[in-house]
Amino acid sequence: MNNKSKYEVLFTENQISEKVKQLGLQITKDYENKNLLLVCMLKGSILFFSDLIRSIDLNFHIDFMAATSYVGTQSTGVVTIEKDLDLNISNYHILIVEDIIDTGRTLTCIKDLLLNKSPLSVKICTFLDKPSKRTVSLIPDYSGYKIDDLFVIGYGLDYDENYRNLPFIAIYKDWFESNYKFITGMI
């Protein structure tokens, strides 16, 4: 099933758990006495979202969105909304929960779409942030870890729908080795 020679652990289960608890405590503090709607960006965010909502000590609502801009390890640059929200969001403070931010184009599109629906506010929580890949001006309001330009798998993150079930986050070595060879001219 999961070939361990293809990846190297970047964040362990314990590191993930501690970071999620920290984020949950901060969100609890920031959204006390506010009508909060947590929006899970499918599919990759589902594990982070599940852990995060159990770490938030508030009443809140949840909904789901799906958008895509990737094929394999490459961003196509085109954002497609595959599932929109079911709820009317005009009376909510929205917190978009994302697994990873690369270029920021997808989340910028999502945030603009949601702002056009007149919510009370829209903020972003991501577990992983790659600021070096950003092509738009987007800074998450909550961020677990900043990482370099690495292709990572596990904890909901995938490579062509594989490896989502890993309980940790790992560098996908096949991507790293092929890009390293390309960058250094070792092909």
Protein backbone atom coordinates (compact mmCIF):
# COMPACT_ATOMS: atom_id res chain seq x y z
CA MET A 1 0.00 0.00 0.00
CA ASN A 2 2.17 2.91 1.24
CA ASN A 3 5.78 2.48 0.16
CA LYS A 4 7.88 4.01 2.97
CA SER A 5 10.86 4.47 0.66
CA LYS A 6 8.85 7.12 -1.21
CA TYR A 7 8.54 9.57 1.68
CA GLU A 8 10.35 11.13 4.65
CA VAL A 9 8.45 12.30 7.74
CA LEU A 10 8.37 16.08 8.15
CA PHE A 11 5.84 16.43 11.04
CA THR A 12 4.97 13.57 13.39
CA GLU A 13 1.53 12.72 14.75
CA ASN A 14 2.48 14.34 18.07
CA GLN A 15 3.71 17.55 16.42
CA ILE A 16 0.49 17.74 14.41
CA SER A 17 -1.68 17.16 17.48
CA GLU A 18 0.07 19.86 19.52
CA LYS A 19 -0.15 22.42 16.72
CA VAL A 20 -3.86 21.72 16.17
CA LYS A 21 -4.53 22.21 19.90
CA GLN A 22 -2.68 25.56 19.80
CA LEU A 23 -4.72 26.70 16.81
CA GLY A 24 -7.97 25.55 18.47
CA LEU A 25 -7.20 27.53 21.63
CA GLN A 26 -6.48 30.70 19.64
CA ILE A 27 -9.62 30.34 17.51
CA THR A 28 -11.70 29.72 20.67
CA LYS A 29 -10.37 32.96 22.14
CA ASP A 30 -10.81 35.00 18.95
CA TYR A 31 -14.36 33.85 18.16
CA GLU A 32 -15.89 33.87 21.64
CA ASN A 33 -19.47 35.23 21.46
CA LYS A 34 -19.42 35.28 17.63
CA ASN A 35 -21.60 33.36 15.19
CA LEU A 36 -18.89 31.17 13.64
CA LEU A 37 -19.12 29.03 10.52
CA LEU A 38 -16.14 26.78 9.86
CA VAL A 39 -15.74 25.91 6.18
CA CYS A 40 -13.77 22.77 5.36
CA MET A 41 -12.02 22.84 2.00
CA LEU A 42 -12.38 19.32 0.63
CA LYS A 43 -10.69 16.92 0.24
CA GLY A 44 -7.27 17.50 1.76
CA SER A 45 -8.40 19.47 4.80
CA ILE A 46 -10.77 16.83 6.17
CA LEU A 47 -8.36 15.35 8.75
CA PHE A 48 -7.11 18.75 9.91
CA PHE A 49 -10.69 20.03 10.02
CA SER A 50 -11.88 17.04 12.08
CA ASP A 51 -9.12 17.50 14.62
CA LEU A 52 -9.47 21.28 14.70
CA ILE A 53 -13.21 21.37 15.39
CA ARG A 54 -12.68 19.08 18.37
CA SER A 55 -10.09 21.56 19.68
CA ILE A 56 -12.42 24.57 19.51
CA ASP A 57 -14.40 25.09 22.70
CA LEU A 58 -17.32 27.03 21.19
CA ASN A 59 -20.67 26.45 19.54
CA PHE A 60 -20.34 26.82 15.76
CA HIS A 61 -21.71 25.58 12.46
CA ILE A 62 -19.85 23.75 9.71
CA ASP A 63 -20.10 23.54 5.95
CA PHE A 64 -17.98 22.22 3.10
CA MET A 65 -16.55 23.51 -0.17
CA ALA A 66 -14.52 21.80 -2.85
CA ALA A 67 -12.26 23.55 -5.33
CA THR A 68 -9.42 22.26 -7.44
CA SER A 69 -6.46 23.66 -9.31
CA TYR A 70 -4.05 20.69 -9.20
CA VAL A 71 -3.34 17.67 -11.38
CA GLY A 72 -0.70 15.45 -9.79
CA THR A 73 1.95 17.74 -8.30
CA GLN A 74 1.29 20.67 -10.65
CA SER A 75 -1.08 23.60 -10.26
CA THR A 76 -3.04 24.23 -13.46
CA GLY A 77 -3.63 27.87 -12.53
CA VAL A 78 -7.37 27.44 -13.10
CA VAL A 79 -9.62 27.29 -10.01
CA THR A 80 -12.77 25.21 -10.39
CA ILE A 81 -15.48 25.23 -7.69
CA GLU A 82 -16.77 21.68 -7.45
CA LYS A 83 -18.99 22.15 -4.38
CA ASP A 84 -20.28 25.42 -2.95
CA LEU A 85 -21.66 26.06 0.53
CA ASP A 86 -25.15 24.89 1.44
CA LEU A 87 -25.81 27.61 4.05
CA ASN A 88 -26.71 31.28 3.70
CA ILE A 89 -23.61 32.86 5.26
CA SER A 90 -24.77 36.47 5.73
CA ASN A 91 -25.03 36.17 9.52
CA TYR A 92 -21.76 34.31 10.09
CA HIS A 93 -18.12 34.98 10.72
CA ILE A 94 -16.49 32.59 8.24
CA LEU A 95 -13.29 30.69 8.96
CA ILE A 96 -12.02 28.81 5.91
CA VAL A 97 -10.04 25.75 6.98
CA GLU A 98 -7.43 24.65 4.44
CA ASP A 99 -4.72 21.99 4.47
CA ILE A 100 -2.01 23.90 2.61
CA ILE A 101 -1.54 27.23 0.84
CA ASP A 102 0.85 27.32 -2.10
CA THR A 103 0.31 30.06 -4.67
CA GLY A 104 -2.76 31.38 -2.84
CA ARG A 105 -4.79 31.63 -6.04
CA THR A 106 -7.38 29.04 -4.97
CA LEU A 107 -7.98 30.60 -1.56
CA THR A 108 -8.07 34.11 -2.99
CA CYS A 109 -10.80 32.94 -5.37
CA ILE A 110 -12.69 31.22 -2.53
CA LYS A 111 -12.38 34.22 -0.22
CA ASP A 112 -13.64 36.60 -2.94
CA LEU A 113 -16.54 34.27 -3.70
CA LEU A 114 -17.53 34.17 -0.03
CA LEU A 115 -17.11 37.92 0.49
CA ASN A 116 -19.61 38.46 -2.36
CA LYS A 117 -22.17 36.59 -0.20
CA SER A 118 -21.91 39.30 2.51
CA PRO A 119 -20.78 37.38 5.60
CA LEU A 120 -19.81 39.27 8.78
CA SER A 121 -16.13 38.42 8.14
CA VAL A 122 -13.93 35.93 6.30
CA LYS A 123 -10.64 34.62 7.67
CA ILE A 124 -8.36 31.74 6.73
CA CYS A 125 -6.80 28.96 8.80
CA THR A 126 -4.26 26.69 7.12
CA PHE A 127 -2.24 23.89 8.57
CA LEU A 128 0.69 24.33 6.17
CA ASP A 129 1.82 27.52 4.49
CA LYS A 130 4.33 27.86 1.64
CA PRO A 131 4.89 31.63 1.46
CA SER A 132 7.76 31.21 -1.04
CA LYS A 133 5.23 29.88 -3.60
CA ARG A 134 2.76 32.76 -3.21
CA THR A 135 1.79 34.48 -6.46
CA VAL A 136 -0.97 36.62 -4.92
CA SER A 137 -1.14 38.79 -1.81
CA LEU A 138 -2.63 36.40 0.73
CA ILE A 139 -1.62 35.93 4.35
CA PRO A 140 -3.52 33.34 6.41
CA ASP A 141 -4.98 34.54 9.70
CA TYR A 142 -4.02 31.26 11.39
CA SER A 143 -1.17 29.01 10.28
CA GLY A 144 0.18 25.78 11.72
CA TYR A 145 3.58 25.51 10.05
CA LYS A 146 5.45 27.39 7.34
CA ILE A 147 7.33 25.05 5.02
CA ASP A 148 9.71 25.35 2.09
CA ASP A 149 8.71 24.51 -1.46
CA LEU A 150 8.26 20.79 -0.86
CA PHE A 151 5.59 18.41 -2.10
CA VAL A 152 4.09 16.89 1.04
CA ILE A 153 1.71 14.01 1.64
CA GLY A 154 -0.19 12.54 4.57
CA TYR A 155 -2.68 13.90 7.12
CA GLY A 156 -5.16 14.43 4.27
CA LEU A 157 -2.64 15.64 1.70
CA ASP A 158 -2.29 13.44 -1.36
CA TYR A 159 -0.39 12.61 -4.48
CA ASP A 160 -3.01 11.63 -7.08
CA GLU A 161 -5.43 10.60 -4.29
CA ASN A 162 -2.82 8.39 -2.55
CA TYR A 163 -1.20 8.76 0.90
CA ARG A 164 -4.02 10.83 2.49
CA ASN A 165 -4.32 8.23 5.27
CA LEU A 166 -0.78 8.65 6.61
CA PRO A 167 -1.05 9.89 10.24
CA PHE A 168 1.90 12.27 9.75
CA ILE A 169 3.04 14.74 7.10
CA ALA A 170 5.92 13.64 4.88
CA ILE A 171 8.01 14.92 2.00
CA TYR A 172 7.15 12.95 -1.12
CA LYS A 173 10.64 11.80 -2.20
CA ASP A 174 9.74 10.98 -5.80
CA TRP A 175 8.78 14.63 -6.31
CA PHE A 176 11.83 15.92 -4.44
CA GLU A 177 14.30 13.70 -6.30
CA SER A 178 12.89 14.45 -9.75
CA ASN A 179 12.78 18.20 -9.06
CA TYR A 180 16.26 18.17 -7.49
CA LYS A 181 17.63 16.44 -10.59
CA PHE A 182 15.83 18.92 -12.85
CA ILE A 183 16.98 21.96 -10.85
CA THR A 184 20.61 20.80 -10.68
CA GLY A 185 20.69 19.52 -14.26
CA MET A 186 21.29 15.91 -13.17
CA ILE A 187 18.75 14.40 -15.60
